[in-house]
C-alpha atoms as a PDB file:
ATOM      1  CA  MET A   1      -9.136  55.243  20.771  1.00  0.00           C
ATOM      2  CA  ALA A   2     -10.298  51.986  22.384  1.00  0.00           C
ATOM      3  CA  THR A   3     -11.995  51.325  18.407  1.00  0.00           C
ATOM      4  CA  ILE A   4      -8.325  51.423  17.391  1.00  0.00           C
ATOM      5  CA  LYS A   5      -6.374  49.481  20.086  1.00  0.00           C
ATOM      6  CA  ALA A   6      -9.828  47.121  19.559  1.00  0.00           C
ATOM      7  CA  GLU A   7      -8.914  47.490  15.871  1.00  0.00           C
ATOM      8  CA  LEU A   8      -5.713  46.730  16.170  1.00  0.00           C
ATOM      9  CA  LYS A   9      -6.043  43.845  18.108  1.00  0.00           C
ATOM     10  CA  ASN A  10      -8.348  41.716  15.948  1.00  0.00           C
ATOM     11  CA  ILE A  11      -5.765  42.101  12.883  1.00  0.00           C
ATOM     12  CA  ILE A  12      -2.927  41.274  15.335  1.00  0.00           C
ATOM     13  CA  MET A  13      -4.895  38.048  15.521  1.00  0.00           C
ATOM     14  CA  GLU A  14      -5.519  37.473  12.185  1.00  0.00           C
ATOM     15  CA  LEU A  15      -2.308  37.367  10.792  1.00  0.00           C
ATOM     16  CA  LEU A  16      -1.329  35.299  14.096  1.00  0.00           C
ATOM     17  CA  MET A  17      -3.402  32.627  13.570  1.00  0.00           C
ATOM     18  CA  SER A  18      -3.220  33.145   9.351  1.00  0.00           C
ATOM     19  CA  SER A  19      -0.795  30.578   7.923  1.00  0.00           C
ATOM     20  CA  GLU A  20       0.011  29.771   4.535  1.00  0.00           C
ATOM     21  CA  ILE A  21      -0.948  26.055   4.639  1.00  0.00           C
ATOM     22  CA  ALA A  22      -0.692  22.912   1.818  1.00  0.00           C
ATOM     23  CA  VAL A  23      -2.969  20.975   1.437  1.00  0.00           C
ATOM     24  CA  PHE A  24      -2.757  17.294   0.238  1.00  0.00           C
ATOM     25  CA  LYS A  25      -6.700  15.364  -1.225  1.00  0.00           C
ATOM     26  CA  PRO A  26      -6.110  11.423  -2.216  1.00  0.00           C
ATOM     27  CA  PHE A  27      -6.143  11.152  -6.032  1.00  0.00           C
ATOM     28  CA  PRO A  28      -9.142   9.029  -7.006  1.00  0.00           C
ATOM     29  CA  PHE A  29      -7.967   6.228  -8.362  1.00  0.00           C
ATOM     30  CA  GLU A  30      -9.543   4.193 -11.294  1.00  0.00           C
ATOM     31  CA  PRO A  31      -8.987   0.313 -12.603  1.00  0.00           C
ATOM     32  CA  GLY A  32      -6.701   0.662 -15.918  1.00  0.00           C
ATOM     33  CA  GLN A  33      -5.835   4.293 -14.996  1.00  0.00           C
ATOM     34  CA  LYS A  34      -1.899   4.424 -16.695  1.00  0.00           C
ATOM     35  CA  ILE A  35       0.140   6.520 -13.819  1.00  0.00           C
ATOM     36  CA  THR A  36       3.349   8.192 -13.517  1.00  0.00           C
ATOM     37  CA  ILE A  37       5.479   9.071 -10.268  1.00  0.00           C
ATOM     38  CA  SER A  38       7.460  11.282 -10.623  1.00  0.00           C
ATOM     39  CA  ASP A  39       9.481  11.560  -7.446  1.00  0.00           C
ATOM     40  CA  GLY A  40       9.976   9.006  -3.709  1.00  0.00           C
ATOM     41  CA  PRO A  41      10.974   4.937  -3.655  1.00  0.00           C
ATOM     42  CA  ARG A  42       7.958   4.156  -6.176  1.00  0.00           C
ATOM     43  CA  LYS A  43       8.882   6.896  -9.670  1.00  0.00           C
ATOM     44  CA  GLY A  44       8.440   5.705 -12.765  1.00  0.00           C
ATOM     45  CA  ASP A  45       5.358   4.097 -14.535  1.00  0.00           C
ATOM     46  CA  TRP A  46       2.636   1.933 -13.180  1.00  0.00           C
ATOM     47  CA  LEU A  47      -0.539   0.982 -14.123  1.00  0.00           C
ATOM     48  CA  VAL A  48      -3.417   0.634 -11.722  1.00  0.00           C
ATOM     49  CA  VAL A  49      -5.052  -2.991 -11.077  1.00  0.00           C
ATOM     50  CA  ASP A  50      -7.026  -2.263  -8.560  1.00  0.00           C
ATOM     51  CA  CYS A  51      -7.717  -0.147  -5.908  1.00  0.00           C
ATOM     52  CA  ASP A  52     -10.629   0.708  -2.405  1.00  0.00           C
ATOM     53  CA  GLU A  53     -10.692   3.178  -0.038  1.00  0.00           C
ATOM     54  CA  ARG A  54      -7.666   2.163   1.903  1.00  0.00           C
ATOM     55  CA  LYS A  55      -5.517   0.010  -1.012  1.00  0.00           C
ATOM     56  CA  VAL A  56      -4.248   0.470  -4.499  1.00  0.00           C
ATOM     57  CA  ILE A  57      -2.557  -2.505  -6.727  1.00  0.00           C
ATOM     58  CA  LEU A  58      -0.109  -1.237  -9.599  1.00  0.00           C
ATOM     59  CA  ARG A  59       1.750  -3.132 -11.747  1.00  0.00           C
ATOM     60  CA  CYS A  60       5.068  -2.052 -13.758  1.00  0.00           C
ATOM     61  CA  PRO A  61       4.910  -1.939 -17.291  1.00  0.00           C
ATOM     62  CA  VAL A  62       7.899  -3.954 -18.159  1.00  0.00           C
ATOM     63  CA  SER A  63       8.087  -6.607 -15.583  1.00  0.00           C
ATOM     64  CA  HIS A  64       4.705  -6.596 -14.939  1.00  0.00           C
ATOM     65  CA  MET A  65       5.475  -7.244 -11.352  1.00  0.00           C
ATOM     66  CA  GLU A  66       2.084  -6.512  -9.036  1.00  0.00           C
ATOM     67  CA  PHE A  67       2.446  -4.060  -5.960  1.00  0.00           C
ATOM     68  CA  SER A  68      -0.515  -3.976  -3.110  1.00  0.00           C
ATOM     69  CA  TRP A  69       0.457  -0.706  -0.917  1.00  0.00           C
ATOM     70  CA  ASN A  70      -2.155   1.502   0.998  1.00  0.00           C
ATOM     71  CA  ARG A  71      -2.869   4.328  -0.444  1.00  0.00           C
ATOM     72  CA  PHE A  72       0.327   7.723  -1.217  1.00  0.00           C
ATOM     73  CA  CYS A  73      -0.367   9.215  -4.150  1.00  0.00           C
ATOM     74  CA  TYR A  74      -1.817  12.469  -4.221  1.00  0.00           C
ATOM     75  CA  HIS A  75      -2.711  14.194  -8.062  1.00  0.00           C
ATOM     76  CA  VAL A  76       0.085  16.855  -8.720  1.00  0.00           C
ATOM     77  CA  GLU A  77      -1.147  17.377 -13.220  1.00  0.00           C
ATOM     78  CA  THR A  78      -2.535  15.898 -16.371  1.00  0.00           C
ATOM     79  CA  LYS A  79      -0.561  15.556 -19.058  1.00  0.00           C
ATOM     80  CA  ARG A  80      -0.016  13.465 -22.443  1.00  0.00           C
ATOM     81  CA  GLN A  81       3.847  12.146 -22.448  1.00  0.00           C
ATOM     82  CA  GLU A  82       5.075   8.640 -23.783  1.00  0.00           C
ATOM     83  CA  TRP A  83       4.152   5.822 -21.394  1.00  0.00           C
ATOM     84  CA  PRO A  84       5.883   3.585 -19.810  1.00  0.00           C
ATOM     85  CA  ALA A  85       8.458   6.385 -20.689  1.00  0.00           C
ATOM     86  CA  ARG A  86      12.260   5.480 -22.285  1.00  0.00           C
ATOM     87  CA  ASP A  87      14.992   5.668 -19.636  1.00  0.00           C
END
């Protein structure tokens, strides 16, 4: 009986300690890369101009404006599509 209680206690502790989590990994940008950000304030097509461990410089392919931002993107998928996209 004591071993059953101990096993049940272990199972309950494992259930309480384990959770479904989302894992994020910073995207390894490379200069010259064409990217599309699908959501948020930076949504759209961008060209990676330069990057280091802290910053990424992106250029809009339409306006040619460049922006330097702290690294923020996480890779979701790689696919073939028209770039820049027509609205």
